Protein backbone atom coordinates (compact mmCIF):
# COMPACT_ATOMS: atom_id res chain seq x y z
CA MET A 1 14.70 -1.20 13.33
CA SER A 2 11.45 -2.66 13.90
CA ILE A 3 9.87 -4.81 11.33
CA ILE A 4 5.60 -5.22 11.76
CA ILE A 5 3.82 -8.04 10.25
CA PRO A 6 0.24 -9.22 10.42
CA ILE A 7 -0.71 -12.63 10.65
CA TYR A 8 -4.22 -13.54 9.57
CA ASN A 9 -4.68 -17.39 7.98
CA VAL A 10 -1.70 -17.29 6.14
CA GLU A 11 -0.32 -20.88 7.10
CA LYS A 12 0.48 -21.77 3.62
CA TYR A 13 2.86 -18.47 3.22
CA LEU A 14 3.96 -17.56 6.72
CA SER A 15 6.80 -19.63 7.13
CA LYS A 16 8.63 -18.51 3.57
CA CYS A 17 8.06 -15.23 5.20
CA LEU A 18 9.74 -15.28 8.46
CA ASN A 19 12.56 -17.65 6.78
CA SER A 20 13.21 -14.64 4.78
CA ILE A 21 13.32 -12.44 7.85
CA LEU A 22 15.86 -14.66 9.54
CA GLU A 23 18.25 -14.54 5.75
CA GLN A 24 18.40 -11.08 6.65
CA THR A 25 22.61 -10.06 5.92
CA TYR A 26 21.08 -7.10 8.34
CA LYS A 27 20.85 -8.64 12.09
CA GLU A 28 19.62 -5.83 14.05
CA ILE A 29 15.97 -6.16 13.26
CA GLU A 30 13.21 -6.80 15.63
CA ILE A 31 10.08 -8.66 14.64
CA ILE A 32 6.54 -7.94 15.69
CA LEU A 33 4.49 -10.83 14.91
CA VAL A 34 0.60 -9.81 15.25
CA ASN A 35 -1.92 -12.27 14.50
CA ASP A 36 -5.06 -10.84 14.24
CA GLY A 37 -7.85 -13.91 15.05
CA SER A 38 -6.47 -16.41 12.78
CA THR A 39 -8.41 -19.68 12.79
CA ASP A 40 -5.94 -21.74 10.84
CA ASN A 41 -2.21 -22.85 11.84
CA SER A 42 -0.62 -19.59 11.51
CA LYS A 43 -0.32 -19.14 15.47
CA ASP A 44 1.13 -22.14 16.23
CA ILE A 45 4.13 -21.57 13.24
CA ALA A 46 4.33 -18.15 14.54
CA VAL A 47 4.71 -19.16 18.08
CA SER A 48 7.19 -21.51 17.19
CA TYR A 49 9.72 -19.19 15.85
CA CYS A 50 9.20 -16.96 18.93
CA GLU A 51 10.36 -19.82 20.90
CA ARG A 52 13.19 -20.62 18.35
CA PHE A 53 14.41 -16.88 17.59
CA PRO A 54 13.15 -15.16 20.53
CA ASN A 55 15.97 -12.62 20.46
CA ILE A 56 14.14 -11.90 16.63
CA PHE A 57 10.13 -12.59 16.88
CA LYS A 58 7.84 -10.68 19.48
CA TYR A 59 4.62 -12.85 19.13
CA PHE A 60 1.15 -10.75 20.13
CA GLU A 61 -2.61 -11.85 19.10
CA LYS A 62 -5.54 -9.67 19.43
CA ASP A 63 -9.31 -10.32 18.27
CA ASN A 64 -9.66 -9.57 14.04
CA GLY A 65 -9.73 -6.43 13.04
CA GLY A 66 -8.28 -5.98 9.97
CA LEU A 67 -4.80 -5.24 8.95
CA SER A 68 -4.84 -1.74 9.32
CA SER A 69 -6.11 -2.34 12.98
CA ALA A 70 -3.27 -4.78 13.46
CA ARG A 71 -0.39 -2.42 11.93
CA ASN A 72 -1.61 0.32 14.46
CA PHE A 73 -1.33 -2.49 17.43
CA GLY A 74 1.81 -3.08 16.22
CA LEU A 75 3.31 0.59 16.28
CA GLU A 76 2.58 0.72 19.93
CA LYS A 77 4.74 -2.21 20.49
CA ILE A 78 8.06 -1.34 18.58
CA SER A 79 11.37 0.01 20.11
CA GLY A 80 13.44 0.22 16.64
CA ASP A 81 14.15 3.70 15.19
CA PHE A 82 12.91 2.97 11.77
CA VAL A 83 9.86 0.80 11.17
CA GLY A 84 8.64 -1.23 8.44
CA PHE A 85 5.34 -3.81 7.63
CA LEU A 86 5.50 -6.61 5.74
CA ASP A 87 2.63 -8.75 5.01
CA SER A 88 2.92 -12.48 6.11
CA ASP A 89 2.37 -14.02 2.55
CA ASP A 90 4.92 -11.96 0.56
CA TYR A 91 8.82 -12.47 1.39
CA ILE A 92 11.78 -10.51 0.73
CA ASP A 93 15.09 -10.89 -0.66
CA ASN A 94 17.91 -11.32 1.83
CA ASP A 95 20.14 -8.00 1.83
CA LEU A 96 16.90 -5.97 1.44
CA TYR A 97 17.26 -4.27 4.60
CA GLU A 98 20.55 -4.05 5.31
CA ILE A 99 20.57 -1.83 1.97
CA MET A 100 18.10 0.27 2.89
CA ILE A 101 19.88 1.23 6.33
CA ASN A 102 22.88 1.51 4.41
CA SER A 103 20.95 4.68 2.05
CA LEU A 104 19.96 6.46 5.80
CA ASP A 105 21.42 9.52 6.85
CA SER A 106 19.94 12.16 9.37
CA SER A 107 17.20 13.48 7.21
CA ILE A 108 15.75 10.81 5.80
CA LYS A 109 12.28 10.09 6.52
CA ILE A 110 11.32 7.22 4.07
CA VAL A 111 13.22 4.50 2.46
CA GLU A 112 11.59 2.61 -0.60
CA CYS A 113 12.43 -0.41 -2.88
CA ASP A 114 11.15 -1.87 -5.48
CA PHE A 115 9.44 -5.14 -5.61
CA ILE A 116 8.53 -8.38 -8.04
CA TRP A 117 4.72 -9.24 -8.63
CA GLU A 118 4.48 -13.02 -8.34
CA TYR A 119 1.94 -14.89 -9.23
CA GLU A 120 0.32 -18.21 -8.89
CA ASN A 121 1.44 -19.22 -12.60
CA GLY A 122 5.11 -18.35 -11.95
CA LYS A 123 5.01 -15.21 -13.73
CA SER A 124 6.81 -12.41 -11.92
CA VAL A 125 7.01 -8.81 -12.98
CA LEU A 126 9.22 -6.46 -11.98
CA ASP A 127 7.44 -3.27 -10.66
CA LYS A 128 10.67 0.12 -10.50
CA THR A 129 10.73 3.37 -10.40
CA SER A 130 12.67 6.00 -11.17
CA GLU A 131 13.91 8.72 -8.65
CA TYR A 132 11.66 11.18 -7.46
CA ASN A 133 12.07 14.94 -8.38
CA SER A 134 9.62 16.27 -6.08
CA ILE A 135 6.93 16.28 -3.38
CA LYS A 136 4.24 16.42 -5.98
CA ASP A 137 6.40 13.82 -8.42
CA LEU A 138 6.14 11.08 -5.64
CA MET A 139 2.33 12.04 -5.13
CA VAL A 140 1.64 11.28 -9.01
CA ASN A 141 4.31 8.49 -9.55
CA GLY A 142 4.97 6.89 -6.19
CA ARG A 143 4.00 3.46 -5.43
CA VAL A 144 1.18 3.74 -2.54
CA VAL A 145 2.04 0.04 -0.63
CA ALA A 146 2.99 0.81 2.80
CA TRP A 147 5.11 -2.71 2.63
CA ASN A 148 8.52 -1.94 0.33
CA LYS A 149 9.25 1.09 2.71
CA ILE A 150 10.90 1.73 5.95
CA TYR A 151 9.76 4.76 8.21
CA ASN A 152 11.52 7.05 10.79
CA VAL A 153 9.75 6.31 13.52
CA GLU A 154 10.16 9.65 15.52
CA TRP A 155 8.69 11.24 12.30
CA LEU A 156 5.67 9.11 12.16
CA GLU A 157 4.80 9.81 15.73
CA LYS A 158 5.44 13.66 15.63
CA ILE A 159 2.91 13.91 12.38
CA ASN A 160 0.55 11.53 14.15
CA ILE A 161 -0.50 9.53 10.94
CA LYS A 162 -2.01 6.04 11.77
CA PHE A 163 -3.40 3.24 9.36
CA LYS A 164 -7.16 4.14 8.97
CA GLU A 165 -9.32 1.10 10.09
CA GLY A 166 -12.62 -0.27 8.95
CA LEU A 167 -11.47 0.26 5.19
CA LEU A 168 -9.60 -1.62 2.75
CA TYR A 169 -6.76 0.46 0.65
CA GLU A 170 -5.61 1.21 3.70
CA ASP A 171 -2.20 1.86 2.56
CA LEU A 172 -3.45 4.48 -0.31
CA ASN A 173 -5.13 6.61 3.06
CA PHE A 174 -1.47 6.11 4.64
CA PHE A 175 0.80 7.36 1.70
CA PHE A 176 -1.70 10.27 0.92
CA LYS A 177 -1.95 11.56 4.25
CA ILE A 178 2.25 11.48 5.24
CA VAL A 179 4.00 12.54 2.07
CA PRO A 180 2.76 16.31 2.60
CA HIS A 181 4.75 15.84 5.81
CA LEU A 182 7.36 15.75 3.71
CA THR A 183 9.11 19.19 3.85
CA SER A 184 11.70 18.28 0.71
CA ILE A 185 12.31 15.03 -1.63
CA SER A 186 15.76 14.56 -0.10
CA GLU A 187 14.22 13.04 2.74
CA VAL A 188 12.57 10.09 0.43
CA SER A 189 15.53 7.43 -0.48
CA THR A 190 14.80 4.98 -3.23
CA VAL A 191 17.13 1.98 -2.73
CA LYS A 192 17.34 -0.87 -6.26
CA ASN A 193 18.76 -4.37 -6.81
CA SER A 194 16.83 -5.59 -3.55
CA PHE A 195 12.61 -6.78 -3.56
CA VAL A 196 10.00 -7.66 -1.65
CA HIS A 197 8.49 -10.08 -3.73
CA TYR A 198 4.37 -9.63 -3.93
CA VAL A 199 2.62 -12.83 -4.04
CA GLN A 200 -0.84 -12.82 -5.84
CA HIS A 201 -3.15 -15.17 -4.75
CA LYS A 202 -6.87 -15.87 -4.42
CA GLY A 203 -6.52 -14.49 -1.07
CA THR A 204 -4.81 -11.13 -1.87
CA ILE A 205 -7.07 -8.06 -1.40
CA THR A 206 -6.22 -6.63 -4.44
CA SER A 207 -7.58 -9.55 -6.80
CA ASP A 208 -10.88 -9.68 -5.01
CA ASN A 209 -13.88 -8.16 -7.48
CA SER A 210 -16.35 -7.42 -5.23
CA LEU A 211 -18.29 -4.59 -3.71
CA ASN A 212 -15.39 -4.25 -1.36
CA ILE A 213 -13.69 -2.19 -4.03
CA LEU A 214 -15.38 0.66 -3.31
CA ASP A 215 -13.81 1.41 -0.22
CA ILE A 216 -11.23 2.82 -2.72
CA ILE A 217 -13.72 5.91 -2.87
CA LYS A 218 -14.39 5.92 0.80
CA SER A 219 -10.45 6.00 1.55
CA TYR A 220 -9.86 8.51 -0.84
CA GLU A 221 -12.63 10.67 0.66
CA ASP A 222 -11.33 10.38 4.08
CA VAL A 223 -7.87 11.98 2.56
CA PHE A 224 -9.87 14.87 1.03
CA HIS A 225 -11.37 15.52 4.63
CA TYR A 226 -7.54 15.18 6.06
CA TYR A 227 -6.61 17.82 3.02
CA ASN A 228 -9.40 20.42 4.24
CA GLU A 229 -8.57 20.43 7.41
CA LYS A 230 -4.69 20.70 7.12
CA GLN A 231 -5.86 23.63 4.56
CA ILE A 232 -3.28 21.97 1.69
CA ASN A 233 -6.12 20.73 -0.81
CA ASP A 234 -5.52 23.72 -3.12
CA LEU A 235 -1.76 22.98 -2.75
CA TYR A 236 -2.12 19.37 -3.86
CA PHE A 237 -5.21 19.63 -5.94
CA ASP A 238 -4.09 18.53 -9.24
CA GLU A 239 -2.31 15.56 -7.70
CA LEU A 240 -5.40 14.23 -5.82
CA GLU A 241 -7.45 14.97 -9.05
CA TYR A 242 -5.38 13.06 -11.45
CA LYS A 243 -4.74 9.98 -8.70
CA PHE A 244 -8.64 10.16 -7.73
CA SER A 245 -9.42 10.09 -11.52
CA ARG A 246 -6.76 7.91 -12.51
CA ASN A 247 -7.72 4.94 -9.85
CA LEU A 248 -10.81 4.80 -10.38
CA MET A 249 -11.23 5.02 -13.98
CA GLY A 250 -8.04 3.06 -14.54
CA ALA A 251 -6.98 0.17 -12.56
CA PHE A 252 -9.94 -0.16 -10.21
CA LEU A 253 -12.33 0.21 -13.58
CA LYS A 254 -9.89 -2.68 -15.01
CA ARG A 255 -11.10 -5.02 -11.96
CA ALA A 256 -14.58 -3.66 -11.91
CA ILE A 257 -15.59 -4.54 -15.56
CA LYS A 258 -14.27 -8.44 -14.73
CA ILE A 259 -16.89 -8.79 -11.79
CA LYS A 260 -19.47 -11.38 -13.54
CA ASP A 261 -22.40 -10.16 -11.64
CA LYS A 262 -23.70 -7.70 -14.02
CA ARG A 263 -25.60 -5.98 -11.23
CA GLN A 264 -22.81 -5.39 -9.38
CA ARG A 265 -20.50 -4.60 -11.47
CA LYS A 266 -23.23 -1.62 -12.78
CA ILE A 267 -23.74 -0.80 -9.22
CA ILE A 268 -19.55 -0.54 -9.23
CA LEU A 269 -19.43 1.55 -12.20
CA ASP A 270 -21.85 3.79 -11.69
CA GLU A 271 -20.29 4.50 -8.50
CA PHE A 272 -16.79 5.14 -9.90
CA TRP A 273 -18.37 7.53 -12.80
CA ASN A 274 -20.36 9.77 -10.23
CA ASN A 275 -17.92 9.89 -7.82
CA VAL A 276 -15.38 11.27 -10.09
CA LEU A 277 -17.73 13.87 -11.34
CA SER A 278 -18.61 14.75 -8.04
CA TYR A 279 -15.76 15.63 -6.82
CA TYR A 280 -13.81 16.52 -10.26
CA PRO A 281 -16.12 17.69 -13.11
CA ASN A 282 -13.47 18.91 -14.76
CA TRP A 283 -10.96 15.83 -14.34
CA LYS A 284 -10.45 15.19 -18.55
CA LYS A 285 -8.59 18.99 -18.34
CA ASN A 286 -6.13 17.59 -15.65
CA LYS A 287 -2.55 18.52 -16.08
CA TYR A 288 -1.05 15.36 -15.70
CA ILE A 289 -3.93 13.30 -17.61
CA LYS A 290 -3.02 15.48 -20.83
CA LYS A 291 0.34 14.11 -20.86
CA LEU A 292 0.49 11.16 -23.41
CA SER A 293 1.55 7.91 -21.69
CA LYS A 294 0.65 4.27 -21.21
CA GLN A 295 -1.11 4.47 -17.93
CA ASN A 296 -3.01 7.77 -19.38
CA ILE A 297 -4.25 6.05 -22.69
CA LEU A 298 -7.27 4.61 -21.42
CA LEU A 299 -8.56 7.82 -19.97
CA PHE A 300 -8.35 9.50 -22.89
CA PHE A 301 -11.12 7.37 -24.33
CA ILE A 302 -13.50 7.68 -21.43
CA ASN A 303 -16.29 9.77 -21.57
CA LYS A 304 -20.41 9.87 -20.59
CA TYR A 305 -20.60 7.85 -23.77
CA THR A 306 -18.26 5.43 -24.03
CA TYR A 307 -18.27 4.62 -19.94
CA LYS A 308 -21.37 2.85 -20.38
CA LEU A 309 -19.80 0.31 -22.98
CA PHE A 310 -18.18 -1.03 -19.63
CA TYR A 311 -21.80 -2.17 -18.47
CA LEU A 312 -21.84 -4.86 -21.79
CA LEU A 313 -18.42 -6.19 -21.24
């Protein structure tokens, strides 16, 4: 199995990440370290691990191109039958990859594990899921992150999906492009009781309250184009409508209203609202939104009048 770890200015976290790899009970792992143009001490740390453990770590460096570029670069260097991605500021439980590998059979394309949000104040929150009952259920309820999964390499090469470069929220883009290529939900395995620790800090992309969060729209637009190209848009219309609406009117709306610059905030709020109406003018009637759930409560109350209240917060 191969694990790709992109590295960019993470000297504070990198050793803990790499030590968690060394402590794995599963030993048949190659670790591809991709230094994406770091300017801090990350390179020296990575090289030192490669020198001490040359049978485990392989070091490469490239000009800075972002997370997607580093992952795609790493995919060209792997030799394992399965590949995973680990962010260099996160760490993992020591039996994670053994449990994931042991859940495999010849039909499995993706193995997914739960994860724990780790905050700087010491708080931690378990993020877990139940078994998926269909591919559409996976699209609606699956965690779109790439780093809590391992993937069948032969399958990835066959479907020819890479990470979209030049955009943030590349995990979302990758997830929605690979899932339609599954032929059955039985090709997905979920494992419990061992976790990725998802470390939250000021440098974490998802904590960035800036105009960069508009990349979520561009990432979805690229998915829409892909679905049209593959002629599967009608098949998954309800699922994409729900995820697009819920992301822009839910999770990312909450992030947008925390932006202190009112001009920036209004730009983002207007973009979110106008794009949902442009792509899915009847989003309020979506069958998944109509289901009463904790995740959908905010969506029930958003309309063209209540939405403007977010300008004032």
